[in-house]
Amino acid sequence: MRLRFVYDMISYHSVSTSMESTLYEGDFFWASYRTTNNQFYVWRILLFIWIFYGFHQQFAIWIYLLHAV
């Protein structure tokens, strides 16, 4: 469920970045949010690293608590 939400968020982000030059031209928020493809892929990699690191950290905490019991 968490990975499905992340996948939907990333796919929506990619669609919005491809459409922002045509649909949101002149809008200040999208103009300040506009980025290149290289920066987008870097942010996608950082997002996956953060999610999987948090998941494994939570998994390790549960194992520690079960061993403590």
PDB file of N, CA and C in Angstrom:
ATOM      1  N   MET A   1       0.835  -1.198   0.000  1.00  0.00           N
ATOM      2  CA  MET A   1       0.000   0.000   0.000  1.00  0.00           C
ATOM      3  C   MET A   1       0.871   1.250   0.000  1.00  0.00           C
ATOM      4  N   ARG A   2       1.945   1.231   0.791  1.00  0.00           N
ATOM      5  CA  ARG A   2       2.828   2.386   0.838  1.00  0.00           C
ATOM      6  C   ARG A   2       3.582   2.559  -0.477  1.00  0.00           C
ATOM      7  N   LEU A   3       4.068   1.449  -1.046  1.00  0.00           N
ATOM      8  CA  LEU A   3       4.787   1.536  -2.306  1.00  0.00           C
ATOM      9  C   LEU A   3       3.849   1.910  -3.446  1.00  0.00           C
ATOM     10  N   ARG A   4       2.583   1.466  -3.370  1.00  0.00           N
ATOM     11  CA  ARG A   4       1.613   1.832  -4.400  1.00  0.00           C
ATOM     12  C   ARG A   4       1.343   3.336  -4.369  1.00  0.00           C
ATOM     13  N   PHE A   5       1.243   3.899  -3.182  1.00  0.00           N
ATOM     14  CA  PHE A   5       1.045   5.332  -3.055  1.00  0.00           C
ATOM     15  C   PHE A   5       2.244   6.105  -3.596  1.00  0.00           C
ATOM     16  N   VAL A   6       3.444   5.594  -3.313  1.00  0.00           N
ATOM     17  CA  VAL A   6       4.657   6.259  -3.796  1.00  0.00           C
ATOM     18  C   VAL A   6       4.734   6.175  -5.313  1.00  0.00           C
ATOM     19  N   TYR A   7       4.358   5.015  -5.871  1.00  0.00           N
ATOM     20  CA  TYR A   7       4.392   4.868  -7.331  1.00  0.00           C
ATOM     21  C   TYR A   7       3.402   5.822  -7.999  1.00  0.00           C
ATOM     22  N   ASP A   8       2.213   5.950  -7.434  1.00  0.00           N
ATOM     23  CA  ASP A   8       1.231   6.886  -7.973  1.00  0.00           C
ATOM     24  C   ASP A   8       1.719   8.319  -7.861  1.00  0.00           C
ATOM     25  N   MET A   9       2.375   8.645  -6.765  1.00  0.00           N
ATOM     26  CA  MET A   9       2.868  10.001  -6.579  1.00  0.00           C
ATOM     27  C   MET A   9       3.975  10.309  -7.595  1.00  0.00           C
ATOM     28  N   ILE A  10       4.877   9.348  -7.829  1.00  0.00           N
ATOM     29  CA  ILE A  10       5.967   9.578  -8.779  1.00  0.00           C
ATOM     30  C   ILE A  10       5.430   9.666 -10.199  1.00  0.00           C
ATOM     31  N   SER A  11       4.466   8.798 -10.548  1.00  0.00           N
ATOM     32  CA  SER A  11       3.918   8.851 -11.896  1.00  0.00           C
ATOM     33  C   SER A  11       3.158  10.153 -12.113  1.00  0.00           C
ATOM     34  N   TYR A  12       2.428  10.615 -11.103  1.00  0.00           N
ATOM     35  CA  TYR A  12       1.738  11.896 -11.220  1.00  0.00           C
ATOM     36  C   TYR A  12       2.733  13.042 -11.343  1.00  0.00           C
ATOM     37  N   HIS A  13       3.842  12.930 -10.625  1.00  0.00           N
ATOM     38  CA  HIS A  13       4.868  13.966 -10.689  1.00  0.00           C
ATOM     39  C   HIS A  13       5.498  14.012 -12.073  1.00  0.00           C
ATOM     40  N   SER A  14       5.731  12.856 -12.674  1.00  0.00           N
ATOM     41  CA  SER A  14       6.334  12.843 -14.009  1.00  0.00           C
ATOM     42  C   SER A  14       5.373  13.409 -15.046  1.00  0.00           C
ATOM     43  N   VAL A  15       4.077  13.096 -14.914  1.00  0.00           N
ATOM     44  CA  VAL A  15       3.092  13.644 -15.848  1.00  0.00           C
ATOM     45  C   VAL A  15       2.998  15.157 -15.684  1.00  0.00           C
ATOM     46  N   SER A  16       3.009  15.621 -14.442  1.00  0.00           N
ATOM     47  CA  SER A  16       2.888  17.058 -14.211  1.00  0.00           C
ATOM     48  C   SER A  16       4.115  17.802 -14.720  1.00  0.00           C
ATOM     49  N   THR A  17       5.304  17.204 -14.594  1.00  0.00           N
ATOM     50  CA  THR A  17       6.502  17.884 -15.084  1.00  0.00           C
ATOM     51  C   THR A  17       6.526  17.918 -16.602  1.00  0.00           C
ATOM     52  N   SER A  18       5.925  16.908 -17.259  1.00  0.00           N
ATOM     53  CA  SER A  18       5.915  16.932 -18.720  1.00  0.00           C
ATOM     54  C   SER A  18       4.852  17.886 -19.253  1.00  0.00           C
ATOM     55  N   MET A  19       3.833  18.162 -18.472  1.00  0.00           N
ATOM     56  CA  MET A  19       2.742  19.016 -18.924  1.00  0.00           C
ATOM     57  C   MET A  19       2.842  20.445 -18.399  1.00  0.00           C
ATOM     58  N   GLU A  20       3.811  20.717 -17.547  1.00  0.00           N
ATOM     59  CA  GLU A  20       3.818  22.015 -16.888  1.00  0.00           C
ATOM     60  C   GLU A  20       4.124  23.155 -17.854  1.00  0.00           C
ATOM     61  N   SER A  21       4.895  22.884 -18.928  1.00  0.00           N
ATOM     62  CA  SER A  21       5.246  23.969 -19.844  1.00  0.00           C
ATOM     63  C   SER A  21       4.056  24.379 -20.695  1.00  0.00           C
ATOM     64  N   THR A  22       3.065  23.492 -20.874  1.00  0.00           N
ATOM     65  CA  THR A  22       1.920  23.827 -21.707  1.00  0.00           C
ATOM     66  C   THR A  22       0.715  24.263 -20.888  1.00  0.00           C
ATOM     67  N   LEU A  23       0.474  23.602 -19.759  1.00  0.00           N
ATOM     68  CA  LEU A  23      -0.737  23.893 -18.994  1.00  0.00           C
ATOM     69  C   LEU A  23      -0.533  25.011 -17.981  1.00  0.00           C
ATOM     70  N   TYR A  24       0.643  25.085 -17.394  1.00  0.00           N
ATOM     71  CA  TYR A  24       0.854  26.000 -16.275  1.00  0.00           C
ATOM     72  C   TYR A  24       1.845  27.111 -16.630  1.00  0.00           C
ATOM     73  N   GLU A  25       1.821  27.555 -17.867  1.00  0.00           N
ATOM     74  CA  GLU A  25       2.754  28.603 -18.277  1.00  0.00           C
ATOM     75  C   GLU A  25       2.368  29.926 -17.627  1.00  0.00           C
ATOM     76  N   GLY A  26       3.344  30.592 -16.999  1.00  0.00           N
ATOM     77  CA  GLY A  26       3.078  31.873 -16.377  1.00  0.00           C
ATOM     78  C   GLY A  26       2.681  31.784 -14.920  1.00  0.00           C
ATOM     79  N   ASP A  27       2.379  30.605 -14.423  1.00  0.00           N
ATOM     80  CA  ASP A  27       2.022  30.478 -13.019  1.00  0.00           C
ATOM     81  C   ASP A  27       3.295  30.505 -12.180  1.00  0.00           C
ATOM     82  N   PHE A  28       3.291  31.258 -11.098  1.00  0.00           N
ATOM     83  CA  PHE A  28       4.519  31.445 -10.322  1.00  0.00           C
ATOM     84  C   PHE A  28       4.935  30.163  -9.624  1.00  0.00           C
ATOM     85  N   PHE A  29       3.975  29.412  -9.094  1.00  0.00           N
ATOM     86  CA  PHE A  29       4.316  28.192  -8.368  1.00  0.00           C
ATOM     87  C   PHE A  29       4.975  27.170  -9.289  1.00  0.00           C
ATOM     88  N   TRP A  30       4.378  26.951 -10.448  1.00  0.00           N
ATOM     89  CA  TRP A  30       4.944  25.959 -11.356  1.00  0.00           C
ATOM     90  C   TRP A  30       6.219  26.464 -12.012  1.00  0.00           C
ATOM     91  N   ALA A  31       6.334  27.804 -12.153  1.00  0.00           N
ATOM     92  CA  ALA A  31       7.571  28.350 -12.705  1.00  0.00           C
ATOM     93  C   ALA A  31       8.722  28.165 -11.721  1.00  0.00           C
ATOM     94  N   SER A  32       8.456  28.340 -10.439  1.00  0.00           N
ATOM     95  CA  SER A  32       9.496  28.115  -9.439  1.00  0.00           C
ATOM     96  C   SER A  32       9.748  26.623  -9.230  1.00  0.00           C
ATOM     97  N   TYR A  33       8.750  25.792  -9.557  1.00  0.00           N
ATOM     98  CA  TYR A  33       8.878  24.350  -9.363  1.00  0.00           C
ATOM     99  C   TYR A  33       9.506  23.661 -10.576  1.00  0.00           C
ATOM    100  N   ARG A  34       9.668  24.376 -11.689  1.00  0.00           N
ATOM    101  CA  ARG A  34      10.155  23.765 -12.925  1.00  0.00           C
ATOM    102  C   ARG A  34      11.604  23.305 -12.754  1.00  0.00           C
ATOM    103  N   THR A  35      11.911  22.135 -13.283  1.00  0.00           N
ATOM    104  CA  THR A  35      13.238  21.556 -13.101  1.00  0.00           C
ATOM    105  C   THR A  35      13.625  20.776 -14.341  1.00  0.00           C
ATOM    106  N   THR A  36      14.867  20.372 -14.427  1.00  0.00           N
ATOM    107  CA  THR A  36      15.342  19.592 -15.563  1.00  0.00           C
ATOM    108  C   THR A  36      15.140  18.108 -15.307  1.00  0.00           C
ATOM    109  N   ASN A  37      15.344  17.300 -16.360  1.00  0.00           N
ATOM    110  CA  ASN A  37      15.148  15.863 -16.232  1.00  0.00           C
ATOM    111  C   ASN A  37      16.198  15.239 -15.317  1.00  0.00           C
ATOM    112  N   ASN A  38      17.423  15.738 -15.357  1.00  0.00           N
ATOM    113  CA  ASN A  38      18.479  15.177 -14.508  1.00  0.00           C
ATOM    114  C   ASN A  38      18.164  15.402 -13.036  1.00  0.00           C
ATOM    115  N   GLN A  39      17.712  16.604 -12.698  1.00  0.00           N
ATOM    116  CA  GLN A  39      17.345  16.861 -11.311  1.00  0.00           C
ATOM    117  C   GLN A  39      16.145  16.001 -10.899  1.00  0.00           C
ATOM    118  N   PHE A  40      15.222  15.770 -11.829  1.00  0.00           N
ATOM    119  CA  PHE A  40      14.060  14.943 -11.502  1.00  0.00           C
ATOM    120  C   PHE A  40      14.475  13.512 -11.185  1.00  0.00           C
ATOM    121  N   TYR A  41      15.388  12.950 -11.976  1.00  0.00           N
ATOM    122  CA  TYR A  41      15.832  11.582 -11.701  1.00  0.00           C
ATOM    123  C   TYR A  41      16.621  11.499 -10.396  1.00  0.00           C
ATOM    124  N   VAL A  42      17.394  12.546 -10.085  1.00  0.00           N
ATOM    125  CA  VAL A  42      18.110  12.548  -8.806  1.00  0.00           C
ATOM    126  C   VAL A  42      17.127  12.569  -7.648  1.00  0.00           C
ATOM    127  N   TRP A  43      16.076  13.386  -7.754  1.00  0.00           N
ATOM    128  CA  TRP A  43      15.090  13.431  -6.669  1.00  0.00           C
ATOM    129  C   TRP A  43      14.322  12.127  -6.570  1.00  0.00           C
ATOM    130  N   ARG A  44      14.082  11.457  -7.717  1.00  0.00           N
ATOM    131  CA  ARG A  44      13.394  10.163  -7.656  1.00  0.00           C
ATOM    132  C   ARG A  44      14.255   9.128  -6.943  1.00  0.00           C
ATOM    133  N   ILE A  45      15.564   9.114  -7.237  1.00  0.00           N
ATOM    134  CA  ILE A  45      16.471   8.168  -6.569  1.00  0.00           C
ATOM    135  C   ILE A  45      16.545   8.467  -5.073  1.00  0.00           C
ATOM    136  N   LEU A  46      16.638   9.756  -4.717  1.00  0.00           N
ATOM    137  CA  LEU A  46      16.692  10.108  -3.300  1.00  0.00           C
ATOM    138  C   LEU A  46      15.395   9.725  -2.589  1.00  0.00           C
ATOM    139  N   LEU A  47      14.267   9.855  -3.276  1.00  0.00           N
ATOM    140  CA  LEU A  47      12.987   9.481  -2.674  1.00  0.00           C
ATOM    141  C   LEU A  47      12.939   7.979  -2.395  1.00  0.00           C
ATOM    142  N   PHE A  48      13.389   7.164  -3.363  1.00  0.00           N
ATOM    143  CA  PHE A  48      13.394   5.718  -3.148  1.00  0.00           C
ATOM    144  C   PHE A  48      14.359   5.325  -2.037  1.00  0.00           C
ATOM    145  N   ILE A  49      15.527   5.984  -1.979  1.00  0.00           N
ATOM    146  CA  ILE A  49      16.483   5.671  -0.912  1.00  0.00           C
ATOM    147  C   ILE A  49      15.879   5.997   0.452  1.00  0.00           C
ATOM    148  N   TRP A  50      15.202   7.142   0.542  1.00  0.00           N
ATOM    149  CA  TRP A  50      14.611   7.549   1.817  1.00  0.00           C
ATOM    150  C   TRP A  50      13.502   6.594   2.234  1.00  0.00           C
ATOM    151  N   ILE A  51      12.679   6.154   1.275  1.00  0.00           N
ATOM    152  CA  ILE A  51      11.562   5.262   1.605  1.00  0.00           C
ATOM    153  C   ILE A  51      12.070   3.894   2.040  1.00  0.00           C
ATOM    154  N   PHE A  52      12.997   3.312   1.277  1.00  0.00           N
ATOM    155  CA  PHE A  52      13.478   1.981   1.620  1.00  0.00           C
ATOM    156  C   PHE A  52      14.335   2.005   2.887  1.00  0.00           C
ATOM    157  N   TYR A  53      15.061   3.093   3.110  1.00  0.00           N
ATOM    158  CA  TYR A  53      15.816   3.198   4.357  1.00  0.00           C
ATOM    159  C   TYR A  53      14.866   3.271   5.551  1.00  0.00           C
ATOM    160  N   GLY A  54      13.806   4.041   5.423  1.00  0.00           N
ATOM    161  CA  GLY A  54      12.832   4.127   6.502  1.00  0.00           C
ATOM    162  C   GLY A  54      12.125   2.804   6.729  1.00  0.00           C
ATOM    163  N   PHE A  55      11.832   2.069   5.635  1.00  0.00           N
ATOM    164  CA  PHE A  55      11.161   0.775   5.783  1.00  0.00           C
ATOM    165  C   PHE A  55      12.063  -0.231   6.490  1.00  0.00           C
ATOM    166  N   HIS A  56      13.320  -0.312   6.078  1.00  0.00           N
ATOM    167  CA  HIS A  56      14.241  -1.259   6.706  1.00  0.00           C
ATOM    168  C   HIS A  56      14.536  -0.860   8.156  1.00  0.00           C
ATOM    169  N   GLN A  57      14.576   0.439   8.418  1.00  0.00           N
ATOM    170  CA  GLN A  57      14.813   0.878   9.788  1.00  0.00           C
ATOM    171  C   GLN A  57      13.633   0.486  10.679  1.00  0.00           C
ATOM    172  N   GLN A  58      12.425   0.655  10.169  1.00  0.00           N
ATOM    173  CA  GLN A  58      11.246   0.258  10.933  1.00  0.00           C
ATOM    174  C   GLN A  58      11.222  -1.260  11.151  1.00  0.00           C
ATOM    175  N   PHE A  59      11.621  -2.018  10.116  1.00  0.00           N
ATOM    176  CA  PHE A  59      11.666  -3.468  10.226  1.00  0.00           C
ATOM    177  C   PHE A  59      12.686  -3.897  11.283  1.00  0.00           C
ATOM    178  N   ALA A  60      13.838  -3.203  11.315  1.00  0.00           N
ATOM    179  CA  ALA A  60      14.863  -3.531  12.309  1.00  0.00           C
ATOM    180  C   ALA A  60      14.384  -3.199  13.718  1.00  0.00           C
ATOM    181  N   ILE A  61      13.637  -2.119  13.853  1.00  0.00           N
ATOM    182  CA  ILE A  61      13.112  -1.764  15.185  1.00  0.00           C
ATOM    183  C   ILE A  61      12.121  -2.822  15.668  1.00  0.00           C
ATOM    184  N   TRP A  62      11.267  -3.326  14.760  1.00  0.00           N
ATOM    185  CA  TRP A  62      10.319  -4.374  15.158  1.00  0.00           C
ATOM    186  C   TRP A  62      11.048  -5.656  15.552  1.00  0.00           C
ATOM    187  N   ILE A  63      12.106  -6.019  14.823  1.00  0.00           N
ATOM    188  CA  ILE A  63      12.876  -7.222  15.187  1.00  0.00           C
ATOM    189  C   ILE A  63      13.518  -7.042  16.567  1.00  0.00           C
ATOM    190  N   TYR A  64      14.039  -5.839  16.831  1.00  0.00           N
ATOM    191  CA  TYR A  64      14.655  -5.565  18.128  1.00  0.00           C
ATOM    192  C   TYR A  64      13.621  -5.675  19.248  1.00  0.00           C
ATOM    193  N   LEU A  65      12.419  -5.151  19.015  1.00  0.00           N
ATOM    194  CA  LEU A  65      11.382  -5.223  20.046  1.00  0.00           C
ATOM    195  C   LEU A  65      10.925  -6.660  20.265  1.00  0.00           C
ATOM    196  N   LEU A  66      10.823  -7.450  19.207  1.00  0.00           N
ATOM    197  CA  LEU A  66      10.418  -8.848  19.367  1.00  0.00           C
ATOM    198  C   LEU A  66      11.489  -9.652  20.099  1.00  0.00           C
ATOM    199  N   HIS A  67      12.746  -9.370  19.830  1.00  0.00           N
ATOM    200  CA  HIS A  67      13.807 -10.063  20.552  1.00  0.00           C
ATOM    201  C   HIS A  67      13.868  -9.610  22.004  1.00  0.00           C
ATOM    202  N   ALA A  68      13.495  -8.363  22.282  1.00  0.00           N
ATOM    203  CA  ALA A  68      13.480  -7.901  23.667  1.00  0.00           C
ATOM    204  C   ALA A  68      12.389  -8.601  24.463  1.00  0.00           C
ATOM    205  N   VAL A  69      11.281  -8.946  23.788  1.00  0.00           N
ATOM    206  CA  VAL A  69      10.202  -9.673  24.473  1.00  0.00           C
ATOM    207  C   VAL A  69      10.625 -11.130  24.627  1.00  0.00           C
TER     208      VAL A  69
END
